[in-house]
Amino acid sequence: MRQEGWLPKGLHFHGKHELIAALRSWLAVPGASTIGDTSSFHGQFWISADIGSHRVRVAADTTREAAQRIVDYASSDPARPWHVVANQKGRINKVVVTDRLEPGWYAYIAPPLEAETTI
């Protein structure tokens, strides 16, 4: 499942359960500090998941520590709501799982929404 210790670029999942399972598998094997190759551009989208009617895209520079926090959060109830909130530029497209301050978790939806919501 891994190349250079990363998740394979372009993986797509159907729902939170599949995304969390992939992150859990990646975390089980020591290796790369991010889910994808960050050598050329840190913000490139690496993997994605359809969650409800939204496509969540997770960036390559999402860290192992952030992935672990997301997996831990989901362990008690994988269906717990996630939130779409404003990013640093004010667009409502940032996906947060546990709270608004999740260092190292870079997940976004497109297009931006008109109002914050849960997914």
N, C-alpha and C. Protein backbone atom coordinates (compact mmCIF):
# COMPACT_ATOMS: atom_id res chain seq x y z
N MET A 1 0.81 -1.20 0.00
CA MET A 1 0.00 0.00 0.00
C MET A 1 0.85 1.26 0.00
N ARG A 2 2.17 1.13 0.08
CA ARG A 2 3.01 2.31 0.25
C ARG A 2 4.11 2.38 -0.78
N GLN A 3 4.45 3.60 -1.16
CA GLN A 3 5.58 3.88 -2.03
C GLN A 3 6.39 4.93 -1.28
N GLU A 4 7.67 4.67 -1.04
CA GLU A 4 8.50 5.61 -0.29
C GLU A 4 7.92 5.89 1.10
N GLY A 5 7.08 5.00 1.59
CA GLY A 5 6.46 5.21 2.89
C GLY A 5 5.22 6.06 2.85
N TRP A 6 4.81 6.52 1.65
CA TRP A 6 3.61 7.34 1.52
C TRP A 6 2.43 6.47 1.12
N LEU A 7 1.25 7.01 1.31
CA LEU A 7 0.07 6.40 0.70
C LEU A 7 0.19 6.61 -0.81
N PRO A 8 -0.29 5.68 -1.62
CA PRO A 8 -0.23 5.89 -3.07
C PRO A 8 -1.05 7.12 -3.49
N LYS A 9 -0.45 7.95 -4.32
CA LYS A 9 -1.12 9.16 -4.79
C LYS A 9 -2.36 8.78 -5.61
N GLY A 10 -3.44 9.52 -5.37
CA GLY A 10 -4.65 9.34 -6.15
C GLY A 10 -5.65 8.36 -5.57
N LEU A 11 -5.33 7.75 -4.42
CA LEU A 11 -6.30 6.86 -3.80
C LEU A 11 -7.59 7.62 -3.53
N HIS A 12 -8.70 6.93 -3.76
CA HIS A 12 -10.00 7.54 -3.49
C HIS A 12 -10.83 6.59 -2.65
N PHE A 13 -11.50 7.13 -1.65
CA PHE A 13 -12.27 6.32 -0.71
C PHE A 13 -13.73 6.73 -0.73
N HIS A 14 -14.57 5.80 -0.36
CA HIS A 14 -16.00 6.05 -0.27
C HIS A 14 -16.39 6.08 1.20
N GLY A 15 -16.43 7.26 1.75
CA GLY A 15 -16.83 7.44 3.14
C GLY A 15 -15.67 7.55 4.11
N LYS A 16 -16.03 7.98 5.31
CA LYS A 16 -15.06 8.15 6.39
C LYS A 16 -14.43 6.83 6.78
N HIS A 17 -15.24 5.75 6.80
CA HIS A 17 -14.73 4.45 7.24
C HIS A 17 -13.53 4.01 6.41
N GLU A 18 -13.65 4.12 5.08
CA GLU A 18 -12.55 3.70 4.20
C GLU A 18 -11.33 4.60 4.37
N LEU A 19 -11.55 5.90 4.47
CA LEU A 19 -10.43 6.82 4.66
C LEU A 19 -9.71 6.54 5.96
N ILE A 20 -10.47 6.37 7.04
CA ILE A 20 -9.87 6.09 8.35
C ILE A 20 -9.12 4.76 8.32
N ALA A 21 -9.68 3.76 7.67
CA ALA A 21 -9.01 2.45 7.57
C ALA A 21 -7.68 2.58 6.83
N ALA A 22 -7.64 3.37 5.78
CA ALA A 22 -6.39 3.56 5.03
C ALA A 22 -5.36 4.29 5.88
N LEU A 23 -5.79 5.31 6.59
CA LEU A 23 -4.86 6.02 7.48
C LEU A 23 -4.34 5.10 8.57
N ARG A 24 -5.23 4.28 9.13
CA ARG A 24 -4.83 3.33 10.18
C ARG A 24 -3.77 2.36 9.65
N SER A 25 -3.98 1.84 8.45
CA SER A 25 -3.01 0.91 7.85
C SER A 25 -1.67 1.60 7.61
N TRP A 26 -1.72 2.83 7.12
CA TRP A 26 -0.49 3.58 6.87
C TRP A 26 0.26 3.83 8.18
N LEU A 27 -0.47 4.16 9.22
CA LEU A 27 0.16 4.42 10.52
C LEU A 27 0.78 3.18 11.15
N ALA A 28 0.28 2.01 10.79
CA ALA A 28 0.75 0.76 11.40
C ALA A 28 2.18 0.40 11.00
N VAL A 29 2.67 1.02 9.94
CA VAL A 29 4.02 0.73 9.46
C VAL A 29 4.85 2.00 9.57
N PRO A 30 5.92 1.98 10.36
CA PRO A 30 6.75 3.17 10.49
C PRO A 30 7.27 3.60 9.12
N GLY A 31 7.37 4.91 8.94
CA GLY A 31 7.86 5.39 7.65
C GLY A 31 7.76 6.89 7.53
N ALA A 32 7.29 7.31 6.38
CA ALA A 32 7.24 8.73 6.02
C ALA A 32 6.50 9.55 7.07
N SER A 33 6.92 10.80 7.20
CA SER A 33 6.29 11.70 8.18
C SER A 33 5.05 12.38 7.63
N THR A 34 4.82 12.27 6.31
CA THR A 34 3.62 12.82 5.68
C THR A 34 2.98 11.75 4.81
N ILE A 35 1.70 11.94 4.46
CA ILE A 35 1.02 10.92 3.67
C ILE A 35 1.49 10.89 2.22
N GLY A 36 2.13 11.96 1.76
CA GLY A 36 2.57 12.02 0.37
C GLY A 36 3.87 12.76 0.20
N ASP A 37 4.33 12.79 -1.02
CA ASP A 37 5.59 13.43 -1.40
C ASP A 37 5.43 14.94 -1.34
N THR A 38 6.20 15.58 -0.51
CA THR A 38 6.13 17.03 -0.36
C THR A 38 7.35 17.72 -0.96
N SER A 39 8.16 17.00 -1.72
CA SER A 39 9.40 17.57 -2.23
C SER A 39 9.18 18.68 -3.26
N SER A 40 8.07 18.62 -4.01
CA SER A 40 7.89 19.64 -5.05
C SER A 40 6.87 20.71 -4.67
N PHE A 41 5.81 20.33 -3.98
CA PHE A 41 4.77 21.30 -3.61
C PHE A 41 4.00 20.75 -2.43
N HIS A 42 4.06 21.44 -1.32
CA HIS A 42 3.45 20.94 -0.09
C HIS A 42 1.94 20.83 -0.13
N GLY A 43 1.25 21.70 -0.85
CA GLY A 43 -0.21 21.71 -0.79
C GLY A 43 -0.92 20.85 -1.80
N GLN A 44 -0.20 20.01 -2.54
CA GLN A 44 -0.89 19.21 -3.56
C GLN A 44 -1.78 18.16 -2.91
N PHE A 45 -2.93 17.96 -3.53
CA PHE A 45 -3.85 16.96 -3.00
C PHE A 45 -3.33 15.58 -3.35
N TRP A 46 -3.39 14.67 -2.38
CA TRP A 46 -2.78 13.36 -2.51
C TRP A 46 -3.82 12.25 -2.57
N ILE A 47 -4.79 12.30 -1.66
CA ILE A 47 -5.86 11.29 -1.60
C ILE A 47 -7.18 12.02 -1.45
N SER A 48 -8.28 11.29 -1.67
CA SER A 48 -9.59 11.92 -1.54
C SER A 48 -10.61 10.91 -1.04
N ALA A 49 -11.74 11.45 -0.59
CA ALA A 49 -12.84 10.60 -0.12
C ALA A 49 -14.15 11.32 -0.36
N ASP A 50 -15.15 10.58 -0.78
CA ASP A 50 -16.50 11.12 -0.87
C ASP A 50 -17.16 10.93 0.48
N ILE A 51 -17.55 12.04 1.08
CA ILE A 51 -18.22 12.01 2.38
C ILE A 51 -19.52 12.77 2.21
N GLY A 52 -20.61 12.03 2.26
CA GLY A 52 -21.90 12.62 1.93
C GLY A 52 -21.84 13.09 0.49
N SER A 53 -22.27 14.31 0.25
CA SER A 53 -22.25 14.86 -1.11
C SER A 53 -20.98 15.66 -1.39
N HIS A 54 -20.00 15.56 -0.51
CA HIS A 54 -18.77 16.34 -0.65
C HIS A 54 -17.57 15.45 -0.96
N ARG A 55 -16.70 15.94 -1.80
CA ARG A 55 -15.42 15.28 -2.02
C ARG A 55 -14.38 15.97 -1.15
N VAL A 56 -13.81 15.21 -0.22
CA VAL A 56 -12.78 15.72 0.67
C VAL A 56 -11.43 15.33 0.07
N ARG A 57 -10.58 16.33 -0.12
CA ARG A 57 -9.25 16.09 -0.67
C ARG A 57 -8.23 16.38 0.42
N VAL A 58 -7.33 15.43 0.62
CA VAL A 58 -6.33 15.52 1.68
C VAL A 58 -4.97 15.78 1.04
N ALA A 59 -4.28 16.78 1.52
CA ALA A 59 -3.02 17.21 0.94
C ALA A 59 -1.86 16.30 1.36
N ALA A 60 -0.86 16.26 0.49
CA ALA A 60 0.33 15.42 0.70
C ALA A 60 1.05 15.74 2.00
N ASP A 61 1.01 16.99 2.44
CA ASP A 61 1.76 17.37 3.63
C ASP A 61 1.00 17.11 4.94
N THR A 62 -0.10 16.39 4.86
CA THR A 62 -0.77 15.95 6.09
C THR A 62 0.18 15.03 6.85
N THR A 63 0.38 15.32 8.11
CA THR A 63 1.42 14.62 8.88
C THR A 63 0.92 13.34 9.54
N ARG A 64 1.89 12.52 9.87
CA ARG A 64 1.62 11.27 10.59
C ARG A 64 0.92 11.57 11.91
N GLU A 65 1.36 12.61 12.62
CA GLU A 65 0.76 12.96 13.91
C GLU A 65 -0.70 13.36 13.74
N ALA A 66 -1.00 14.14 12.70
CA ALA A 66 -2.38 14.54 12.45
C ALA A 66 -3.22 13.33 12.08
N ALA A 67 -2.70 12.46 11.23
CA ALA A 67 -3.44 11.25 10.86
C ALA A 67 -3.74 10.41 12.09
N GLN A 68 -2.79 10.32 13.01
CA GLN A 68 -3.01 9.55 14.23
C GLN A 68 -4.12 10.16 15.07
N ARG A 69 -4.15 11.49 15.16
CA ARG A 69 -5.22 12.16 15.92
C ARG A 69 -6.59 11.88 15.29
N ILE A 70 -6.65 11.88 13.96
CA ILE A 70 -7.91 11.64 13.27
C ILE A 70 -8.36 10.20 13.51
N VAL A 71 -7.45 9.25 13.39
CA VAL A 71 -7.78 7.84 13.63
C VAL A 71 -8.22 7.64 15.07
N ASP A 72 -7.52 8.24 16.02
CA ASP A 72 -7.89 8.12 17.43
C ASP A 72 -9.29 8.70 17.66
N TYR A 73 -9.57 9.84 17.07
CA TYR A 73 -10.87 10.50 17.22
C TYR A 73 -11.98 9.60 16.70
N ALA A 74 -11.72 8.94 15.58
CA ALA A 74 -12.74 8.11 14.94
C ALA A 74 -12.87 6.72 15.57
N SER A 75 -11.93 6.33 16.40
CA SER A 75 -11.94 4.96 16.92
C SER A 75 -13.19 4.64 17.74
N SER A 76 -13.71 5.61 18.48
CA SER A 76 -14.90 5.34 19.29
C SER A 76 -16.18 5.36 18.46
N ASP A 77 -16.18 6.14 17.37
CA ASP A 77 -17.36 6.22 16.50
C ASP A 77 -16.94 6.80 15.16
N PRO A 78 -16.65 5.94 14.17
CA PRO A 78 -16.19 6.41 12.88
C PRO A 78 -17.17 7.35 12.17
N ALA A 79 -18.42 7.34 12.56
CA ALA A 79 -19.41 8.19 11.91
C ALA A 79 -19.54 9.57 12.56
N ARG A 80 -18.71 9.86 13.57
CA ARG A 80 -18.79 11.18 14.22
C ARG A 80 -18.71 12.28 13.18
N PRO A 81 -19.43 13.37 13.39
CA PRO A 81 -19.43 14.44 12.39
C PRO A 81 -18.08 15.13 12.26
N TRP A 82 -17.78 15.51 11.05
CA TRP A 82 -16.65 16.36 10.73
C TRP A 82 -17.21 17.73 10.37
N HIS A 83 -16.40 18.74 10.38
CA HIS A 83 -16.89 20.10 10.18
C HIS A 83 -16.16 20.76 9.01
N VAL A 84 -16.91 21.53 8.23
CA VAL A 84 -16.33 22.33 7.17
C VAL A 84 -16.39 23.77 7.65
N VAL A 85 -15.21 24.39 7.76
CA VAL A 85 -15.09 25.73 8.33
C VAL A 85 -14.28 26.61 7.39
N ALA A 86 -14.18 27.88 7.72
CA ALA A 86 -13.41 28.82 6.90
C ALA A 86 -11.91 28.53 7.02
N ASN A 87 -11.23 28.61 5.88
CA ASN A 87 -9.78 28.47 5.89
C ASN A 87 -9.15 29.81 6.24
N GLN A 88 -7.83 29.90 6.18
CA GLN A 88 -7.15 31.14 6.56
C GLN A 88 -7.49 32.31 5.65
N LYS A 89 -7.96 32.02 4.44
CA LYS A 89 -8.33 33.09 3.50
C LYS A 89 -9.82 33.41 3.55
N GLY A 90 -10.56 32.76 4.45
CA GLY A 90 -11.97 33.04 4.62
C GLY A 90 -12.90 32.17 3.79
N ARG A 91 -12.38 31.32 2.91
CA ARG A 91 -13.23 30.41 2.14
C ARG A 91 -13.68 29.26 3.03
N ILE A 92 -14.94 28.89 2.96
CA ILE A 92 -15.46 27.80 3.80
C ILE A 92 -15.26 26.50 3.05
N ASN A 93 -14.06 25.92 3.24
CA ASN A 93 -13.71 24.67 2.56
C ASN A 93 -12.78 23.77 3.38
N LYS A 94 -12.35 24.22 4.54
CA LYS A 94 -11.42 23.44 5.35
C LYS A 94 -12.20 22.40 6.16
N VAL A 95 -11.75 21.16 6.07
CA VAL A 95 -12.39 20.06 6.80
C VAL A 95 -11.61 19.81 8.08
N VAL A 96 -12.29 19.94 9.21
CA VAL A 96 -11.68 19.64 10.50
C VAL A 96 -12.48 18.52 11.15
N VAL A 97 -11.79 17.75 11.94
CA VAL A 97 -12.42 16.57 12.51
C VAL A 97 -12.66 16.75 14.00
N THR A 98 -11.63 17.11 14.74
CA THR A 98 -11.77 17.19 16.19
C THR A 98 -12.10 18.58 16.68
N ASP A 99 -11.49 19.59 16.11
CA ASP A 99 -11.75 20.98 16.45
C ASP A 99 -11.15 21.85 15.36
N ARG A 100 -11.14 23.14 15.57
CA ARG A 100 -10.65 24.04 14.53
C ARG A 100 -9.12 24.14 14.49
N LEU A 101 -8.44 23.62 15.46
CA LEU A 101 -6.99 23.72 15.49
C LEU A 101 -6.39 22.32 15.39
N GLU A 102 -6.16 21.87 14.19
CA GLU A 102 -5.62 20.54 13.96
C GLU A 102 -4.32 20.65 13.17
N PRO A 103 -3.24 20.97 13.84
CA PRO A 103 -1.98 21.12 13.12
C PRO A 103 -1.64 19.87 12.33
N GLY A 104 -1.26 20.09 11.08
CA GLY A 104 -0.82 18.99 10.25
C GLY A 104 -1.91 18.27 9.49
N TRP A 105 -3.19 18.60 9.71
CA TRP A 105 -4.30 17.98 8.97
C TRP A 105 -4.75 18.97 7.90
N TYR A 106 -4.52 18.61 6.63
CA TYR A 106 -4.81 19.50 5.51
C TYR A 106 -5.82 18.84 4.59
N ALA A 107 -7.09 19.07 4.88
CA ALA A 107 -8.18 18.47 4.11
C ALA A 107 -9.17 19.58 3.74
N TYR A 108 -9.63 19.53 2.48
CA TYR A 108 -10.48 20.58 1.95
C TYR A 108 -11.54 20.00 1.02
N ILE A 109 -12.64 20.74 0.86
CA ILE A 109 -13.64 20.37 -0.13
C ILE A 109 -13.67 21.47 -1.20
N ALA A 110 -14.18 21.12 -2.37
CA ALA A 110 -14.37 22.09 -3.44
C ALA A 110 -15.71 21.81 -4.09
N PRO A 111 -16.44 22.81 -4.44
CA PRO A 111 -16.17 24.24 -4.23
C PRO A 111 -16.45 24.63 -2.79
N PRO A 112 -15.97 25.82 -2.41
CA PRO A 112 -16.27 26.31 -1.07
C PRO A 112 -17.77 26.44 -0.84
N LEU A 113 -18.16 26.34 0.41
CA LEU A 113 -19.57 26.44 0.79
C LEU A 113 -19.93 27.88 1.16
N GLU A 114 -21.21 28.15 1.26
CA GLU A 114 -21.70 29.46 1.68
C GLU A 114 -21.71 29.62 3.21
N ALA A 115 -21.83 28.48 3.90
CA ALA A 115 -21.89 28.51 5.37
C ALA A 115 -21.22 27.25 5.92
N GLU A 116 -20.71 27.37 7.13
CA GLU A 116 -20.10 26.22 7.78
C GLU A 116 -21.14 25.12 7.96
N THR A 117 -20.69 23.87 7.92
CA THR A 117 -21.60 22.74 8.03
C THR A 117 -20.88 21.53 8.61
N THR A 118 -21.61 20.50 8.89
CA THR A 118 -21.03 19.23 9.31
C THR A 118 -21.25 18.21 8.20
N ILE A 119 -20.32 17.28 8.11
CA ILE A 119 -20.44 16.20 7.12
C ILE A 119 -20.22 14.87 7.80
